[in-house]
Amino acid sequence: MKAIEVTGKIDLEGNLVLDEPIQGTTYREQVRVIVLVPEEAELDPDDTPVEEIKASLRRALHDAKTGQRLPLSQMWEGIDAE
């Protein structure tokens, strides 16, 4: 038996929805799925969801391409760095 690790979510109907398709697989037979759910203590409130990070990077790239950026010299204005 071969193991393939992927991430995903369980929707409101209880269906497993993978974050990305599993590449290079052509299995037409039934497979076994083991779902690992983090314990409450394992959840990190500082973890930013991947989709949010991707959206932020897309916005930043768009801003850079269109010249909508703040000069580095102005970024530190108003920040009290001791």
N, C-alpha and C. Protein backbone atom coordinates (compact mmCIF):
# COMPACT_ATOMS: atom_id res chain seq x y z
N MET A 1 0.85 -1.18 0.00
CA MET A 1 0.00 0.00 0.00
C MET A 1 0.90 1.24 0.00
N LYS A 2 0.52 2.24 -0.77
CA LYS A 2 1.28 3.48 -0.91
C LYS A 2 0.54 4.59 -0.17
N ALA A 3 1.27 5.46 0.51
CA ALA A 3 0.66 6.58 1.23
C ALA A 3 0.91 7.88 0.46
N ILE A 4 -0.12 8.69 0.35
CA ILE A 4 -0.02 10.01 -0.28
C ILE A 4 -0.59 11.00 0.72
N GLU A 5 0.21 11.99 1.10
CA GLU A 5 -0.26 12.97 2.07
C GLU A 5 -0.73 14.22 1.34
N VAL A 6 -1.96 14.62 1.62
CA VAL A 6 -2.54 15.83 1.05
C VAL A 6 -3.28 16.58 2.16
N THR A 7 -3.64 17.83 1.89
CA THR A 7 -4.42 18.59 2.84
C THR A 7 -5.77 18.92 2.23
N GLY A 8 -6.70 19.22 3.06
CA GLY A 8 -8.04 19.55 2.59
C GLY A 8 -8.91 19.96 3.75
N LYS A 9 -10.18 20.07 3.46
CA LYS A 9 -11.16 20.47 4.47
C LYS A 9 -12.37 19.55 4.37
N ILE A 10 -13.13 19.50 5.43
CA ILE A 10 -14.38 18.76 5.41
C ILE A 10 -15.49 19.81 5.36
N ASP A 11 -16.32 19.75 4.32
CA ASP A 11 -17.36 20.77 4.16
C ASP A 11 -18.54 20.49 5.09
N LEU A 12 -19.53 21.36 5.03
CA LEU A 12 -20.68 21.26 5.93
C LEU A 12 -21.49 19.99 5.73
N GLU A 13 -21.38 19.38 4.55
CA GLU A 13 -22.10 18.13 4.29
C GLU A 13 -21.26 16.91 4.67
N GLY A 14 -20.04 17.12 5.18
CA GLY A 14 -19.18 16.02 5.58
C GLY A 14 -18.33 15.47 4.46
N ASN A 15 -18.28 16.16 3.33
CA ASN A 15 -17.45 15.71 2.20
C ASN A 15 -16.02 16.21 2.37
N LEU A 16 -15.08 15.37 1.99
CA LEU A 16 -13.68 15.75 2.02
C LEU A 16 -13.35 16.49 0.73
N VAL A 17 -12.84 17.72 0.86
CA VAL A 17 -12.49 18.55 -0.29
C VAL A 17 -10.99 18.82 -0.22
N LEU A 18 -10.24 18.29 -1.17
CA LEU A 18 -8.79 18.46 -1.18
C LEU A 18 -8.42 19.86 -1.63
N ASP A 19 -7.33 20.40 -1.05
CA ASP A 19 -6.85 21.72 -1.44
C ASP A 19 -6.38 21.74 -2.89
N GLU A 20 -5.77 20.64 -3.33
CA GLU A 20 -5.29 20.53 -4.71
C GLU A 20 -5.49 19.09 -5.17
N PRO A 21 -5.67 18.89 -6.47
CA PRO A 21 -5.80 17.51 -6.96
C PRO A 21 -4.52 16.72 -6.70
N ILE A 22 -4.67 15.42 -6.55
CA ILE A 22 -3.50 14.55 -6.39
C ILE A 22 -2.96 14.28 -7.78
N GLN A 23 -1.74 14.74 -8.04
CA GLN A 23 -1.13 14.62 -9.36
C GLN A 23 -0.53 13.22 -9.55
N GLY A 24 -0.58 12.75 -10.76
CA GLY A 24 0.08 11.50 -11.11
C GLY A 24 -0.63 10.26 -10.62
N THR A 25 -1.89 10.37 -10.28
CA THR A 25 -2.63 9.19 -9.82
C THR A 25 -3.73 8.85 -10.80
N THR A 26 -3.89 7.58 -11.05
CA THR A 26 -4.95 7.12 -11.95
C THR A 26 -5.71 5.96 -11.31
N TYR A 27 -5.83 5.98 -9.99
CA TYR A 27 -6.51 4.90 -9.29
C TYR A 27 -8.01 4.99 -9.53
N ARG A 28 -8.59 3.92 -10.00
CA ARG A 28 -10.04 3.88 -10.24
C ARG A 28 -10.75 3.02 -9.19
N GLU A 29 -9.94 2.39 -8.34
CA GLU A 29 -10.50 1.53 -7.32
C GLU A 29 -10.72 2.33 -6.04
N GLN A 30 -11.39 1.73 -5.11
CA GLN A 30 -11.63 2.37 -3.83
C GLN A 30 -10.31 2.52 -3.08
N VAL A 31 -10.16 3.63 -2.37
CA VAL A 31 -8.95 3.89 -1.58
C VAL A 31 -9.35 4.06 -0.12
N ARG A 32 -8.38 3.93 0.76
CA ARG A 32 -8.61 4.16 2.19
C ARG A 32 -8.18 5.57 2.52
N VAL A 33 -8.94 6.24 3.36
CA VAL A 33 -8.64 7.62 3.74
C VAL A 33 -8.56 7.68 5.27
N ILE A 34 -7.48 8.23 5.77
CA ILE A 34 -7.34 8.48 7.21
C ILE A 34 -7.33 9.99 7.39
N VAL A 35 -8.25 10.50 8.18
CA VAL A 35 -8.35 11.94 8.39
C VAL A 35 -7.76 12.27 9.75
N LEU A 36 -6.75 13.13 9.76
CA LEU A 36 -6.13 13.57 11.01
C LEU A 36 -6.65 14.98 11.32
N VAL A 37 -7.34 15.11 12.43
CA VAL A 37 -7.92 16.39 12.83
C VAL A 37 -7.11 16.93 14.00
N PRO A 38 -6.62 18.17 13.91
CA PRO A 38 -5.81 18.70 15.00
C PRO A 38 -6.63 18.86 16.28
N GLU A 39 -5.99 18.58 17.38
CA GLU A 39 -6.61 18.83 18.68
C GLU A 39 -6.71 20.33 18.87
N GLU A 40 -7.57 20.76 19.74
CA GLU A 40 -7.76 22.20 19.98
C GLU A 40 -6.44 22.87 20.35
N ALA A 41 -5.60 22.19 21.14
CA ALA A 41 -4.32 22.77 21.57
C ALA A 41 -3.34 22.90 20.42
N GLU A 42 -3.52 22.13 19.34
CA GLU A 42 -2.60 22.18 18.20
C GLU A 42 -2.90 23.33 17.25
N LEU A 43 -4.06 23.94 17.36
CA LEU A 43 -4.43 25.03 16.47
C LEU A 43 -3.63 26.27 16.86
N ASP A 44 -2.95 26.86 15.88
CA ASP A 44 -2.14 28.04 16.12
C ASP A 44 -2.91 29.27 15.62
N PRO A 45 -3.33 30.15 16.51
CA PRO A 45 -4.10 31.33 16.08
C PRO A 45 -3.30 32.27 15.19
N ASP A 46 -1.96 32.11 15.18
CA ASP A 46 -1.13 32.96 14.34
C ASP A 46 -0.98 32.41 12.92
N ASP A 47 -1.45 31.19 12.67
CA ASP A 47 -1.34 30.61 11.33
C ASP A 47 -2.32 31.31 10.40
N THR A 48 -1.80 31.87 9.35
CA THR A 48 -2.62 32.53 8.34
C THR A 48 -2.97 31.50 7.27
N PRO A 49 -4.26 31.39 6.92
CA PRO A 49 -4.64 30.42 5.88
C PRO A 49 -3.89 30.66 4.57
N VAL A 50 -3.56 29.58 3.89
CA VAL A 50 -2.79 29.65 2.65
C VAL A 50 -3.48 30.53 1.62
N GLU A 51 -4.79 30.41 1.48
CA GLU A 51 -5.50 31.22 0.49
C GLU A 51 -5.39 32.71 0.79
N GLU A 52 -5.39 33.07 2.06
CA GLU A 52 -5.23 34.48 2.44
C GLU A 52 -3.83 34.98 2.09
N ILE A 53 -2.83 34.15 2.30
CA ILE A 53 -1.46 34.51 1.95
C ILE A 53 -1.32 34.68 0.44
N LYS A 54 -1.90 33.74 -0.33
CA LYS A 54 -1.83 33.83 -1.79
C LYS A 54 -2.51 35.10 -2.29
N ALA A 55 -3.67 35.43 -1.72
CA ALA A 55 -4.39 36.64 -2.14
C ALA A 55 -3.56 37.89 -1.83
N SER A 56 -2.90 37.91 -0.68
CA SER A 56 -2.07 39.05 -0.30
C SER A 56 -0.89 39.19 -1.26
N LEU A 57 -0.27 38.07 -1.61
CA LEU A 57 0.85 38.12 -2.55
C LEU A 57 0.42 38.58 -3.93
N ARG A 58 -0.78 38.14 -4.37
CA ARG A 58 -1.29 38.60 -5.67
C ARG A 58 -1.50 40.11 -5.67
N ARG A 59 -2.09 40.64 -4.57
CA ARG A 59 -2.31 42.08 -4.46
C ARG A 59 -0.98 42.83 -4.47
N ALA A 60 0.00 42.33 -3.72
CA ALA A 60 1.31 42.98 -3.66
C ALA A 60 1.99 42.99 -5.02
N LEU A 61 1.91 41.87 -5.75
CA LEU A 61 2.51 41.80 -7.08
C LEU A 61 1.81 42.77 -8.03
N HIS A 62 0.50 42.83 -7.95
CA HIS A 62 -0.26 43.77 -8.79
C HIS A 62 0.15 45.21 -8.48
N ASP A 63 0.22 45.53 -7.17
CA ASP A 63 0.61 46.88 -6.77
C ASP A 63 2.00 47.23 -7.27
N ALA A 64 2.93 46.27 -7.17
CA ALA A 64 4.30 46.52 -7.63
C ALA A 64 4.34 46.73 -9.13
N LYS A 65 3.58 45.93 -9.88
CA LYS A 65 3.57 46.05 -11.34
C LYS A 65 2.95 47.36 -11.80
N THR A 66 1.97 47.87 -11.05
CA THR A 66 1.29 49.09 -11.46
C THR A 66 1.87 50.34 -10.80
N GLY A 67 2.99 50.17 -10.07
CA GLY A 67 3.66 51.32 -9.47
C GLY A 67 2.99 51.84 -8.22
N GLN A 68 2.06 51.10 -7.66
CA GLN A 68 1.35 51.52 -6.45
C GLN A 68 2.07 50.98 -5.22
N ARG A 69 3.22 51.55 -4.95
CA ARG A 69 3.99 51.09 -3.81
C ARG A 69 4.49 52.28 -3.01
N LEU A 70 4.76 52.03 -1.75
CA LEU A 70 5.22 53.06 -0.84
C LEU A 70 6.75 53.02 -0.78
N PRO A 71 7.42 54.14 -0.94
CA PRO A 71 8.88 54.14 -0.84
C PRO A 71 9.32 53.63 0.54
N LEU A 72 10.41 52.89 0.56
CA LEU A 72 10.91 52.31 1.79
C LEU A 72 11.15 53.38 2.85
N SER A 73 11.59 54.53 2.44
CA SER A 73 11.87 55.61 3.40
C SER A 73 10.62 56.04 4.15
N GLN A 74 9.45 55.87 3.54
CA GLN A 74 8.19 56.27 4.19
C GLN A 74 7.58 55.15 5.03
N MET A 75 8.02 53.92 4.81
CA MET A 75 7.43 52.81 5.54
C MET A 75 7.65 52.89 7.04
N TRP A 76 8.76 53.50 7.46
CA TRP A 76 9.09 53.54 8.87
C TRP A 76 8.51 54.76 9.56
N GLU A 77 7.88 55.68 8.83
CA GLU A 77 7.30 56.86 9.44
C GLU A 77 6.19 56.47 10.42
N GLY A 78 6.25 57.00 11.61
CA GLY A 78 5.23 56.71 12.60
C GLY A 78 5.45 55.43 13.40
N ILE A 79 6.52 54.71 13.08
CA ILE A 79 6.83 53.49 13.84
C ILE A 79 7.89 53.81 14.86
N ASP A 80 7.59 53.52 16.12
CA ASP A 80 8.52 53.80 17.19
C ASP A 80 9.42 52.59 17.40
N ALA A 81 10.58 52.60 16.78
CA ALA A 81 11.55 51.50 16.91
C ALA A 81 12.67 51.95 17.81
N GLU A 82 12.72 51.37 18.99
CA GLU A 82 13.75 51.78 19.96
C GLU A 82 14.95 50.90 19.89
